Amino acid sequence: MNATHPTKEQVRAYLDQRGRAHLPPPSPDEIRRRLDWRCERPAPSSGLPAAIFLPPTLIHLGALMVLAWICLPFMPIDRR
């Protein structure tokens, strides 16, 4: 969920203005509206789990590990 937040200066100016008004505090929805603070729902995913889209770096690492295990029996052994 993405949210936009007001700057510190906007919040301070709003609180300063509210302090001088001598009115009861507004509802949270009214505060969000005045400060342009809203939450946006992310777009629905395609339904496929993200785990099947491995980053290329992990695929490369896996290929190198398989190659190392295949070549391991053919490596010369240094026995001193």
PDB file of N, CA and C in Angstrom:
ATOM      1  N   MET A   1       0.849  -1.161   0.000  1.00  0.00           N
ATOM      2  CA  MET A   1       0.000   0.000   0.000  1.00  0.00           C
ATOM      3  C   MET A   1       0.904   1.237   0.000  1.00  0.00           C
ATOM      4  N   ASN A   2       0.713   2.083  -0.986  1.00  0.00           N
ATOM      5  CA  ASN A   2       1.484   3.314  -1.085  1.00  0.00           C
ATOM      6  C   ASN A   2       0.721   4.435  -0.407  1.00  0.00           C
ATOM      7  N   ALA A   3       1.428   5.276   0.317  1.00  0.00           N
ATOM      8  CA  ALA A   3       0.793   6.399   1.001  1.00  0.00           C
ATOM      9  C   ALA A   3       1.609   7.652   0.747  1.00  0.00           C
ATOM     10  N   THR A   4       0.905   8.753   0.551  1.00  0.00           N
ATOM     11  CA  THR A   4       1.595  10.034   0.441  1.00  0.00           C
ATOM     12  C   THR A   4       1.483  10.712   1.795  1.00  0.00           C
ATOM     13  N   HIS A   5       2.568  11.277   2.249  1.00  0.00           N
ATOM     14  CA  HIS A   5       2.595  11.931   3.551  1.00  0.00           C
ATOM     15  C   HIS A   5       2.883  13.408   3.372  1.00  0.00           C
ATOM     16  N   PRO A   6       2.265  14.259   4.193  1.00  0.00           N
ATOM     17  CA  PRO A   6       2.569  15.687   4.110  1.00  0.00           C
ATOM     18  C   PRO A   6       3.963  15.956   4.671  1.00  0.00           C
ATOM     19  N   THR A   7       4.529  17.078   4.268  1.00  0.00           N
ATOM     20  CA  THR A   7       5.839  17.452   4.798  1.00  0.00           C
ATOM     21  C   THR A   7       5.688  17.934   6.237  1.00  0.00           C
ATOM     22  N   LYS A   8       6.813  18.019   6.943  1.00  0.00           N
ATOM     23  CA  LYS A   8       6.784  18.497   8.327  1.00  0.00           C
ATOM     24  C   LYS A   8       6.279  19.930   8.388  1.00  0.00           C
ATOM     25  N   GLU A   9       6.674  20.723   7.390  1.00  0.00           N
ATOM     26  CA  GLU A   9       6.236  22.125   7.372  1.00  0.00           C
ATOM     27  C   GLU A   9       4.722  22.223   7.211  1.00  0.00           C
ATOM     28  N   GLN A  10       4.144  21.367   6.363  1.00  0.00           N
ATOM     29  CA  GLN A  10       2.693  21.376   6.180  1.00  0.00           C
ATOM     30  C   GLN A  10       1.976  21.000   7.470  1.00  0.00           C
ATOM     31  N   VAL A  11       2.495  19.999   8.157  1.00  0.00           N
ATOM     32  CA  VAL A  11       1.866  19.562   9.409  1.00  0.00           C
ATOM     33  C   VAL A  11       1.980  20.656  10.464  1.00  0.00           C
ATOM     34  N   ARG A  12       3.150  21.272  10.578  1.00  0.00           N
ATOM     35  CA  ARG A  12       3.321  22.356  11.563  1.00  0.00           C
ATOM     36  C   ARG A  12       2.401  23.534  11.267  1.00  0.00           C
ATOM     37  N   ALA A  13       2.306  23.919   9.993  1.00  0.00           N
ATOM     38  CA  ALA A  13       1.421  25.033   9.624  1.00  0.00           C
ATOM     39  C   ALA A  13      -0.029  24.677   9.934  1.00  0.00           C
ATOM     40  N   TYR A  14      -0.418  23.446   9.651  1.00  0.00           N
ATOM     41  CA  TYR A  14      -1.794  23.022   9.922  1.00  0.00           C
ATOM     42  C   TYR A  14      -2.081  23.039  11.427  1.00  0.00           C
ATOM     43  N   LEU A  15      -1.155  22.505  12.225  1.00  0.00           N
ATOM     44  CA  LEU A  15      -1.360  22.486  13.675  1.00  0.00           C
ATOM     45  C   LEU A  15      -1.366  23.897  14.255  1.00  0.00           C
ATOM     46  N   ASP A  16      -0.525  24.763  13.695  1.00  0.00           N
ATOM     47  CA  ASP A  16      -0.506  26.157  14.150  1.00  0.00           C
ATOM     48  C   ASP A  16      -1.839  26.838  13.839  1.00  0.00           C
ATOM     49  N   GLN A  17      -2.356  26.617  12.644  1.00  0.00           N
ATOM     50  CA  GLN A  17      -3.648  27.181  12.246  1.00  0.00           C
ATOM     51  C   GLN A  17      -4.775  26.633  13.127  1.00  0.00           C
ATOM     52  N   ARG A  18      -4.733  25.313  13.412  1.00  0.00           N
ATOM     53  CA  ARG A  18      -5.770  24.702  14.247  1.00  0.00           C
ATOM     54  C   ARG A  18      -5.694  25.222  15.680  1.00  0.00           C
ATOM     55  N   GLY A  19      -4.488  25.498  16.163  1.00  0.00           N
ATOM     56  CA  GLY A  19      -4.346  25.991  17.534  1.00  0.00           C
ATOM     57  C   GLY A  19      -4.973  27.361  17.726  1.00  0.00           C
ATOM     58  N   ARG A  20      -4.949  28.174  16.676  1.00  0.00           N
ATOM     59  CA  ARG A  20      -5.532  29.523  16.769  1.00  0.00           C
ATOM     60  C   ARG A  20      -7.035  29.530  16.528  1.00  0.00           C
ATOM     61  N   ALA A  21      -7.593  28.447  16.012  1.00  0.00           N
ATOM     62  CA  ALA A  21      -9.012  28.434  15.634  1.00  0.00           C
ATOM     63  C   ALA A  21      -9.942  28.249  16.834  1.00  0.00           C
ATOM     64  N   HIS A  22      -9.478  27.639  17.931  1.00  0.00           N
ATOM     65  CA  HIS A  22     -10.296  27.380  19.127  1.00  0.00           C
ATOM     66  C   HIS A  22     -11.568  26.613  18.780  1.00  0.00           C
ATOM     67  N   LEU A  23     -11.438  25.616  17.930  1.00  0.00           N
ATOM     68  CA  LEU A  23     -12.552  24.756  17.551  1.00  0.00           C
ATOM     69  C   LEU A  23     -12.204  23.320  17.948  1.00  0.00           C
ATOM     70  N   PRO A  24     -13.192  22.454  18.063  1.00  0.00           N
ATOM     71  CA  PRO A  24     -12.881  21.054  18.351  1.00  0.00           C
ATOM     72  C   PRO A  24     -12.092  20.459  17.176  1.00  0.00           C
ATOM     73  N   PRO A  25     -11.287  19.462  17.459  1.00  0.00           N
ATOM     74  CA  PRO A  25     -10.483  18.885  16.379  1.00  0.00           C
ATOM     75  C   PRO A  25     -11.354  18.237  15.309  1.00  0.00           C
ATOM     76  N   PRO A  26     -10.937  18.337  14.058  1.00  0.00           N
ATOM     77  CA  PRO A  26     -11.713  17.716  12.980  1.00  0.00           C
ATOM     78  C   PRO A  26     -11.520  16.194  12.980  1.00  0.00           C
ATOM     79  N   SER A  27     -12.326  15.547  12.201  1.00  0.00           N
ATOM     80  CA  SER A  27     -12.228  14.088  12.097  1.00  0.00           C
ATOM     81  C   SER A  27     -10.935  13.706  11.369  1.00  0.00           C
ATOM     82  N   PRO A  28     -10.448  12.487  11.582  1.00  0.00           N
ATOM     83  CA  PRO A  28      -9.240  12.048  10.872  1.00  0.00           C
ATOM     84  C   PRO A  28      -9.385  12.131   9.346  1.00  0.00           C
ATOM     85  N   ASP A  29     -10.596  11.845   8.833  1.00  0.00           N
ATOM     86  CA  ASP A  29     -10.803  11.943   7.388  1.00  0.00           C
ATOM     87  C   ASP A  29     -10.643  13.381   6.900  1.00  0.00           C
ATOM     88  N   GLU A  30     -11.132  14.342   7.676  1.00  0.00           N
ATOM     89  CA  GLU A  30     -10.993  15.750   7.300  1.00  0.00           C
ATOM     90  C   GLU A  30      -9.524  16.177   7.339  1.00  0.00           C
ATOM     91  N   ILE A  31      -8.779  15.702   8.320  1.00  0.00           N
ATOM     92  CA  ILE A  31      -7.344  16.023   8.393  1.00  0.00           C
ATOM     93  C   ILE A  31      -6.622  15.447   7.178  1.00  0.00           C
ATOM     94  N   ARG A  32      -6.928  14.207   6.841  1.00  0.00           N
ATOM     95  CA  ARG A  32      -6.285  13.594   5.666  1.00  0.00           C
ATOM     96  C   ARG A  32      -6.631  14.349   4.390  1.00  0.00           C
ATOM     97  N   ARG A  33      -7.878  14.786   4.273  1.00  0.00           N
ATOM     98  CA  ARG A  33      -8.292  15.517   3.079  1.00  0.00           C
ATOM     99  C   ARG A  33      -7.550  16.843   2.965  1.00  0.00           C
ATOM    100  N   ARG A  34      -7.451  17.570   4.075  1.00  0.00           N
ATOM    101  CA  ARG A  34      -6.783  18.877   4.046  1.00  0.00           C
ATOM    102  C   ARG A  34      -5.281  18.766   3.792  1.00  0.00           C
ATOM    103  N   LEU A  35      -4.663  17.692   4.291  1.00  0.00           N
ATOM    104  CA  LEU A  35      -3.229  17.522   4.099  1.00  0.00           C
ATOM    105  C   LEU A  35      -2.901  16.693   2.855  1.00  0.00           C
ATOM    106  N   ASP A  36      -3.922  16.293   2.103  1.00  0.00           N
ATOM    107  CA  ASP A  36      -3.749  15.487   0.898  1.00  0.00           C
ATOM    108  C   ASP A  36      -2.981  14.205   1.218  1.00  0.00           C
ATOM    109  N   TRP A  37      -3.401  13.532   2.273  1.00  0.00           N
ATOM    110  CA  TRP A  37      -2.762  12.306   2.733  1.00  0.00           C
ATOM    111  C   TRP A  37      -3.716  11.168   2.408  1.00  0.00           C
ATOM    112  N   ARG A  38      -3.336  10.360   1.416  1.00  0.00           N
ATOM    113  CA  ARG A  38      -4.234   9.286   0.990  1.00  0.00           C
ATOM    114  C   ARG A  38      -3.469   7.983   0.832  1.00  0.00           C
ATOM    115  N   CYS A  39      -4.184   6.892   0.933  1.00  0.00           N
ATOM    116  CA  CYS A  39      -3.609   5.567   0.752  1.00  0.00           C
ATOM    117  C   CYS A  39      -4.117   5.007  -0.566  1.00  0.00           C
ATOM    118  N   GLU A  40      -3.210   4.410  -1.308  1.00  0.00           N
ATOM    119  CA  GLU A  40      -3.576   3.823  -2.591  1.00  0.00           C
ATOM    120  C   GLU A  40      -3.334   2.325  -2.532  1.00  0.00           C
ATOM    121  N   ARG A  41      -4.289   1.569  -2.968  1.00  0.00           N
ATOM    122  CA  ARG A  41      -4.144   0.120  -3.010  1.00  0.00           C
ATOM    123  C   ARG A  41      -3.275  -0.256  -4.206  1.00  0.00           C
ATOM    124  N   PRO A  42      -2.353  -1.209  -4.024  1.00  0.00           N
ATOM    125  CA  PRO A  42      -1.543  -1.638  -5.170  1.00  0.00           C
ATOM    126  C   PRO A  42      -2.412  -2.386  -6.183  1.00  0.00           C
ATOM    127  N   ALA A  43      -1.968  -2.368  -7.427  1.00  0.00           N
ATOM    128  CA  ALA A  43      -2.696  -3.074  -8.472  1.00  0.00           C
ATOM    129  C   ALA A  43      -2.645  -4.577  -8.186  1.00  0.00           C
ATOM    130  N   PRO A  44      -3.717  -5.283  -8.483  1.00  0.00           N
ATOM    131  CA  PRO A  44      -3.701  -6.727  -8.231  1.00  0.00           C
ATOM    132  C   PRO A  44      -2.624  -7.405  -9.070  1.00  0.00           C
ATOM    133  N   SER A  45      -1.992  -8.405  -8.479  1.00  0.00           N
ATOM    134  CA  SER A  45      -0.922  -9.110  -9.186  1.00  0.00           C
ATOM    135  C   SER A  45      -1.525 -10.070 -10.200  1.00  0.00           C
ATOM    136  N   SER A  46      -0.663 -10.636 -11.016  1.00  0.00           N
ATOM    137  CA  SER A  46      -1.130 -11.532 -12.071  1.00  0.00           C
ATOM    138  C   SER A  46      -1.551 -12.897 -11.537  1.00  0.00           C
ATOM    139  N   GLY A  47      -1.349 -13.145 -10.265  1.00  0.00           N
ATOM    140  CA  GLY A  47      -1.737 -14.419  -9.681  1.00  0.00           C
ATOM    141  C   GLY A  47      -0.586 -15.407  -9.594  1.00  0.00           C
ATOM    142  N   LEU A  48       0.520 -15.126 -10.285  1.00  0.00           N
ATOM    143  CA  LEU A  48       1.674 -16.016 -10.216  1.00  0.00           C
ATOM    144  C   LEU A  48       2.518 -15.643  -9.015  1.00  0.00           C
ATOM    145  N   PRO A  49       3.012 -16.618  -8.289  1.00  0.00           N
ATOM    146  CA  PRO A  49       3.862 -16.298  -7.138  1.00  0.00           C
ATOM    147  C   PRO A  49       5.174 -15.665  -7.610  1.00  0.00           C
ATOM    148  N   ALA A  50       5.647 -14.732  -6.832  1.00  0.00           N
ATOM    149  CA  ALA A  50       6.872 -14.018  -7.188  1.00  0.00           C
ATOM    150  C   ALA A  50       8.092 -14.919  -7.125  1.00  0.00           C
ATOM    151  N   ALA A  51       8.009 -16.040  -6.433  1.00  0.00           N
ATOM    152  CA  ALA A  51       9.163 -16.922  -6.276  1.00  0.00           C
ATOM    153  C   ALA A  51       9.585 -17.554  -7.600  1.00  0.00           C
ATOM    154  N   ILE A  52       8.669 -17.685  -8.557  1.00  0.00           N
ATOM    155  CA  ILE A  52       9.069 -18.311  -9.812  1.00  0.00           C
ATOM    156  C   ILE A  52       9.859 -17.352 -10.696  1.00  0.00           C
ATOM    157  N   PHE A  53       9.858 -16.074 -10.394  1.00  0.00           N
ATOM    158  CA  PHE A  53      10.628 -15.101 -11.145  1.00  0.00           C
ATOM    159  C   PHE A  53      11.907 -14.777 -10.378  1.00  0.00           C
ATOM    160  N   LEU A  54      12.844 -15.720 -10.388  1.00  0.00           N
ATOM    161  CA  LEU A  54      14.089 -15.525  -9.659  1.00  0.00           C
ATOM    162  C   LEU A  54      14.946 -14.493 -10.380  1.00  0.00           C
ATOM    163  N   PRO A  55      15.637 -13.676  -9.626  1.00  0.00           N
ATOM    164  CA  PRO A  55      16.525 -12.713 -10.260  1.00  0.00           C
ATOM    165  C   PRO A  55      17.641 -13.441 -11.019  1.00  0.00           C
ATOM    166  N   PRO A  56      18.125 -12.862 -12.094  1.00  0.00           N
ATOM    167  CA  PRO A  56      19.170 -13.512 -12.896  1.00  0.00           C
ATOM    168  C   PRO A  56      20.423 -13.849 -12.089  1.00  0.00           C
ATOM    169  N   THR A  57      20.733 -13.068 -11.080  1.00  0.00           N
ATOM    170  CA  THR A  57      21.915 -13.340 -10.269  1.00  0.00           C
ATOM    171  C   THR A  57      21.788 -14.683  -9.550  1.00  0.00           C
ATOM    172  N   LEU A  58      20.616 -14.984  -9.014  1.00  0.00           N
ATOM    173  CA  LEU A  58      20.421 -16.263  -8.333  1.00  0.00           C
ATOM    174  C   LEU A  58      20.477 -17.432  -9.311  1.00  0.00           C
ATOM    175  N   ILE A  59      19.954 -17.246 -10.501  1.00  0.00           N
ATOM    176  CA  ILE A  59      20.006 -18.298 -11.510  1.00  0.00           C
ATOM    177  C   ILE A  59      21.461 -18.549 -11.909  1.00  0.00           C
ATOM    178  N   HIS A  60      22.221 -17.493 -12.091  1.00  0.00           N
ATOM    179  CA  HIS A  60      23.630 -17.611 -12.435  1.00  0.00           C
ATOM    180  C   HIS A  60      24.386 -18.335 -11.327  1.00  0.00           C
ATOM    181  N   LEU A  61      24.147 -17.956 -10.085  1.00  0.00           N
ATOM    182  CA  LEU A  61      24.797 -18.612  -8.953  1.00  0.00           C
ATOM    183  C   LEU A  61      24.456 -20.100  -8.911  1.00  0.00           C
ATOM    184  N   GLY A  62      23.212 -20.444  -9.129  1.00  0.00           N
ATOM    185  CA  GLY A  62      22.801 -21.849  -9.134  1.00  0.00           C
ATOM    186  C   GLY A  62      23.491 -22.634 -10.236  1.00  0.00           C
ATOM    187  N   ALA A  63      23.609 -22.043 -11.423  1.00  0.00           N
ATOM    188  CA  ALA A  63      24.286 -22.719 -12.528  1.00  0.00           C
ATOM    189  C   ALA A  63      25.758 -22.948 -12.202  1.00  0.00           C
ATOM    190  N   LEU A  64      26.409 -21.971 -11.602  1.00  0.00           N
ATOM    191  CA  LEU A  64      27.811 -22.130 -11.223  1.00  0.00           C
ATOM    192  C   LEU A  64      27.985 -23.215 -10.162  1.00  0.00           C
ATOM    193  N   MET A  65      27.057 -23.299  -9.220  1.00  0.00           N
ATOM    194  CA  MET A  65      27.151 -24.334  -8.185  1.00  0.00           C
ATOM    195  C   MET A  65      26.986 -25.728  -8.792  1.00  0.00           C
ATOM    196  N   VAL A  66      26.055 -25.889  -9.715  1.00  0.00           N
ATOM    197  CA  VAL A  66      25.858 -27.184 -10.374  1.00  0.00           C
ATOM    198  C   VAL A  66      27.108 -27.561 -11.150  1.00  0.00           C
ATOM    199  N   LEU A  67      27.679 -26.612 -11.872  1.00  0.00           N
ATOM    200  CA  LEU A  67      28.894 -26.879 -12.632  1.00  0.00           C
ATOM    201  C   LEU A  67      30.049 -27.267 -11.709  1.00  0.00           C
ATOM    202  N   ALA A  68      30.174 -26.584 -10.577  1.00  0.00           N
ATOM    203  CA  ALA A  68      31.238 -26.913  -9.622  1.00  0.00           C
ATOM    204  C   ALA A  68      31.060 -28.329  -9.070  1.00  0.00           C
ATOM    205  N   TRP A  69      29.823 -28.728  -8.762  1.00  0.00           N
ATOM    206  CA  TRP A  69      29.590 -30.073  -8.233  1.00  0.00           C
ATOM    207  C   TRP A  69      29.852 -31.143  -9.288  1.00  0.00           C
ATOM    208  N   ILE A  70      29.560 -30.834 -10.552  1.00  0.00           N
ATOM    209  CA  ILE A  70      29.822 -31.802 -11.619  1.00  0.00           C
ATOM    210  C   ILE A  70      31.323 -31.975 -11.827  1.00  0.00           C
ATOM    211  N   CYS A  71      32.077 -30.890 -11.766  1.00  0.00           N
ATOM    212  CA  CYS A  71      33.524 -30.933 -12.019  1.00  0.00           C
ATOM    213  C   CYS A  71      34.330 -31.357 -10.790  1.00  0.00           C
ATOM    214  N   LEU A  72      33.747 -31.390  -9.639  1.00  0.00           N
ATOM    215  CA  LEU A  72      34.475 -31.685  -8.410  1.00  0.00           C
ATOM    216  C   LEU A  72      35.215 -33.035  -8.435  1.00  0.00           C
ATOM    217  N   PRO A  73      34.623 -34.121  -8.939  1.00  0.00           N
ATOM    218  CA  PRO A  73      35.359 -35.402  -8.937  1.00  0.00           C
ATOM    219  C   PRO A  73      36.588 -35.400  -9.845  1.00  0.00           C
ATOM    220  N   PHE A  74      36.645 -34.501 -10.808  1.00  0.00           N
ATOM    221  CA  PHE A  74      37.749 -34.480 -11.763  1.00  0.00           C
ATOM    222  C   PHE A  74      38.870 -33.537 -11.352  1.00  0.00           C
ATOM    223  N   MET A  75      38.724 -32.877 -10.232  1.00  0.00           N
ATOM    224  CA  MET A  75      39.759 -31.940  -9.765  1.00  0.00           C
ATOM    225  C   MET A  75      40.929 -32.717  -9.191  1.00  0.00           C
ATOM    226  N   PRO A  76      42.173 -32.307  -9.503  1.00  0.00           N
ATOM    227  CA  PRO A  76      43.328 -33.006  -8.927  1.00  0.00           C
ATOM    228  C   PRO A  76      43.397 -32.780  -7.421  1.00  0.00           C
ATOM    229  N   ILE A  77      43.836 -33.796  -6.705  1.00  0.00           N
ATOM    230  CA  ILE A  77      43.941 -33.723  -5.260  1.00  0.00           C
ATOM    231  C   ILE A  77      45.400 -33.486  -4.902  1.00  0.00           C
ATOM    232  N   ASP A  78      45.659 -32.469  -4.131  1.00  0.00           N
ATOM    233  CA  ASP A  78      47.035 -32.143  -3.713  1.00  0.00           C
ATOM    234  C   ASP A  78      47.282 -32.810  -2.363  1.00  0.00           C
ATOM    235  N   ARG A  79      48.018 -33.938  -2.361  1.00  0.00           N
ATOM    236  CA  ARG A  79      48.295 -34.646  -1.118  1.00  0.00           C
ATOM    237  C   ARG A  79      49.777 -34.460  -0.784  1.00  0.00           C
ATOM    238  N   ARG A  80      50.073 -33.719   0.204  1.00  0.00           N
ATOM    239  CA  ARG A  80      51.452 -33.457   0.609  1.00  0.00           C
ATOM    240  C   ARG A  80      51.786 -34.214   1.844  1.00  0.00           C
TER     241      ARG A  80
END
